[in-house]
């Protein structure tokens, strides 16, 4: 299965964790071998934006997160764990426009969802607005959506 990763699932690789997905979760996810992991370069931009926002006034943290971000870049660009998609093309742009018209406000989320439609079988995301649109607009017939918890229940049972 080609599993598209929302930005949340790349963030621990850059030293950023959320309450829904951290470094231990990342070890668990990226240790799986039955999946092709896919991500958009727009997530790299979003992560950099988060680093800039979180480190204002804290040069020590900024230095550490910049170093970890560089490790993330090396991991993505030179490793074979996660495949990066093209940033944009006509199909992604067209779908992104539809999502904007449907009320999805976040540009990064629109690009990620649109890219996932053409480059993956499933999308791993915590985004509630995307989930609501996915269910309401019939995208569930095109791509599966998982949160980290639902993914673990479906694929990590012991």
Protein backbone atom coordinates (compact mmCIF):
# COMPACT_ATOMS: atom_id res chain seq x y z
CA UNK A 1 0.00 0.00 0.00
CA UNK A 2 1.21 3.49 -0.84
CA UNK A 3 0.68 5.49 2.35
CA UNK A 4 0.81 9.27 2.06
CA UNK A 5 2.09 11.03 5.16
CA UNK A 6 0.69 14.34 6.32
CA UNK A 7 3.24 16.75 7.80
CA UNK A 8 2.53 15.59 11.35
CA UNK A 9 4.22 12.26 10.61
CA UNK A 10 7.43 13.88 9.37
CA UNK A 11 7.73 16.38 12.21
CA UNK A 12 9.41 14.03 14.74
CA UNK A 13 12.18 13.50 12.19
CA UNK A 14 12.86 17.26 12.52
CA UNK A 15 12.74 17.29 16.32
CA UNK A 16 9.08 18.34 16.56
CA UNK A 17 6.51 16.18 18.30
CA UNK A 18 2.77 16.52 18.79
CA UNK A 19 0.50 14.95 21.36
CA UNK A 20 -0.77 12.63 18.60
CA UNK A 21 2.56 11.52 17.07
CA UNK A 22 6.06 11.52 18.53
CA UNK A 23 9.49 10.00 18.02
CA UNK A 24 8.52 6.58 19.39
CA UNK A 25 5.54 6.50 17.06
CA UNK A 26 7.81 7.43 14.15
CA UNK A 27 10.13 4.51 14.96
CA UNK A 28 7.13 2.20 14.93
CA UNK A 29 5.75 3.58 11.66
CA UNK A 30 8.98 3.72 9.69
CA UNK A 31 9.93 0.25 10.86
CA UNK A 32 7.05 -1.22 8.86
CA UNK A 33 8.07 -2.83 5.58
CA UNK A 34 4.71 -3.56 3.94
CA UNK A 35 4.15 0.07 2.97
CA UNK A 36 5.58 2.56 0.53
CA UNK A 37 5.69 5.84 2.42
CA UNK A 38 5.03 8.94 0.33
CA UNK A 39 5.20 12.64 1.22
CA UNK A 40 4.93 16.02 -0.45
CA UNK A 41 7.76 18.56 -0.52
CA UNK A 42 5.19 21.06 0.77
CA UNK A 43 5.53 19.33 4.15
CA UNK A 44 9.16 20.42 4.26
CA UNK A 45 8.04 24.02 3.80
CA UNK A 46 5.38 23.62 6.49
CA UNK A 47 7.88 22.12 8.94
CA UNK A 48 10.33 24.95 8.32
CA UNK A 49 7.50 27.41 9.00
CA UNK A 50 6.73 25.67 12.30
CA UNK A 51 10.41 25.78 13.30
CA UNK A 52 10.62 29.50 12.56
CA UNK A 53 7.42 30.17 14.53
CA UNK A 54 8.35 28.02 17.55
CA UNK A 55 11.89 29.34 17.90
CA UNK A 56 11.35 33.09 17.86
CA UNK A 57 13.42 34.49 20.68
CA UNK A 58 15.09 31.14 21.46
CA UNK A 59 18.35 30.88 19.53
CA UNK A 60 19.41 27.66 21.25
CA UNK A 61 16.22 25.87 20.24
CA UNK A 62 16.44 27.39 16.76
CA UNK A 63 19.96 26.04 16.30
CA UNK A 64 18.96 22.55 17.48
CA UNK A 65 15.84 22.39 15.29
CA UNK A 66 17.72 23.68 12.26
CA UNK A 67 20.23 20.87 12.74
CA UNK A 68 17.45 18.30 13.05
CA UNK A 69 15.68 19.75 10.01
CA UNK A 70 18.87 19.25 8.00
CA UNK A 71 18.92 15.61 9.12
CA UNK A 72 15.31 15.29 7.95
CA UNK A 73 16.31 16.68 4.56
CA UNK A 74 19.14 14.16 4.27
CA UNK A 75 16.81 11.36 5.32
CA UNK A 76 14.21 12.30 2.71
CA UNK A 77 16.50 13.24 -0.15
CA UNK A 78 19.11 10.49 0.16
CA UNK A 79 17.31 7.71 2.01
CA UNK A 80 14.94 5.12 0.63
CA UNK A 81 12.28 5.12 3.35
CA UNK A 82 10.03 7.95 2.12
CA UNK A 83 9.35 8.84 -1.49
CA UNK A 84 8.83 12.53 -2.28
CA UNK A 85 6.20 13.45 -4.86
CA UNK A 86 6.34 16.36 -7.29
CA UNK A 87 5.44 19.63 -5.57
CA UNK A 88 2.63 20.54 -7.98
CA UNK A 89 1.17 19.64 -11.32
CA UNK A 90 -2.06 20.45 -13.14
CA UNK A 91 -4.11 17.72 -11.42
CA UNK A 92 -2.93 18.69 -7.94
CA UNK A 93 -3.63 22.36 -8.65
CA UNK A 94 -7.13 21.61 -9.97
CA UNK A 95 -7.98 19.46 -6.95
CA UNK A 96 -6.54 22.07 -4.58
CA UNK A 97 -8.86 24.67 -6.14
CA UNK A 98 -11.87 22.37 -5.54
CA UNK A 99 -10.89 21.91 -1.91
CA UNK A 100 -10.61 25.67 -1.45
CA UNK A 101 -14.11 26.06 -2.91
CA UNK A 102 -15.31 23.37 -0.47
CA UNK A 103 -14.03 25.46 2.44
CA UNK A 104 -10.69 23.86 3.33
CA UNK A 105 -8.79 26.95 4.48
CA UNK A 106 -5.26 25.62 4.99
CA UNK A 107 -3.22 25.72 1.76
CA UNK A 108 -0.73 23.10 2.98
CA UNK A 109 -3.57 20.70 3.81
CA UNK A 110 -5.17 21.23 0.41
CA UNK A 111 -1.92 20.49 -1.41
CA UNK A 112 -1.19 17.42 0.71
CA UNK A 113 -4.68 15.97 0.25
CA UNK A 114 -4.70 16.75 -3.48
CA UNK A 115 -1.30 15.16 -3.96
CA UNK A 116 -2.32 12.08 -1.99
CA UNK A 117 -5.28 11.54 -4.33
CA UNK A 118 -2.89 10.95 -7.24
CA UNK A 119 0.11 9.39 -5.53
CA UNK A 120 -1.21 7.07 -2.82
CA UNK A 121 -3.80 4.52 -1.76
CA UNK A 122 -4.27 6.02 1.70
CA UNK A 123 -3.55 9.23 3.61
CA UNK A 124 -2.38 9.33 7.21
CA UNK A 125 -3.69 12.60 8.70
CA UNK A 126 -5.08 14.03 11.91
CA UNK A 127 -6.87 16.87 10.10
CA UNK A 128 -10.57 16.97 10.98
CA UNK A 129 -11.60 19.37 8.19
CA UNK A 130 -10.10 17.03 5.60
CA UNK A 131 -11.83 14.03 7.17
CA UNK A 132 -15.21 15.79 7.06
CA UNK A 133 -14.73 16.77 3.41
CA UNK A 134 -13.45 13.27 2.59
CA UNK A 135 -16.65 11.71 3.94
CA UNK A 136 -19.10 14.34 2.69
CA UNK A 137 -17.75 14.77 -0.84
CA UNK A 138 -17.21 11.10 -1.74
CA UNK A 139 -13.43 11.06 -1.62
CA UNK A 140 -13.75 7.91 0.48
CA UNK A 141 -14.32 6.04 -2.80
CA UNK A 142 -10.92 7.26 -4.09
CA UNK A 143 -8.56 7.16 -1.10
CA UNK A 144 -8.61 5.78 2.43
CA UNK A 145 -7.95 8.08 5.38
CA UNK A 146 -6.37 7.02 8.65
CA UNK A 147 -5.48 8.80 11.84
CA UNK A 148 -2.49 7.40 13.69
CA UNK A 149 -4.83 5.64 16.12
CA UNK A 150 -6.99 4.10 13.40
CA UNK A 151 -3.88 3.09 11.46
CA UNK A 152 -2.46 1.31 14.51
CA UNK A 153 -5.75 -0.51 15.06
CA UNK A 154 -5.86 -1.60 11.41
CA UNK A 155 -2.23 -2.54 10.81
CA UNK A 156 -0.34 -2.94 14.09
CA UNK A 157 -2.44 -5.52 15.89
CA UNK A 158 -0.42 -8.11 17.69
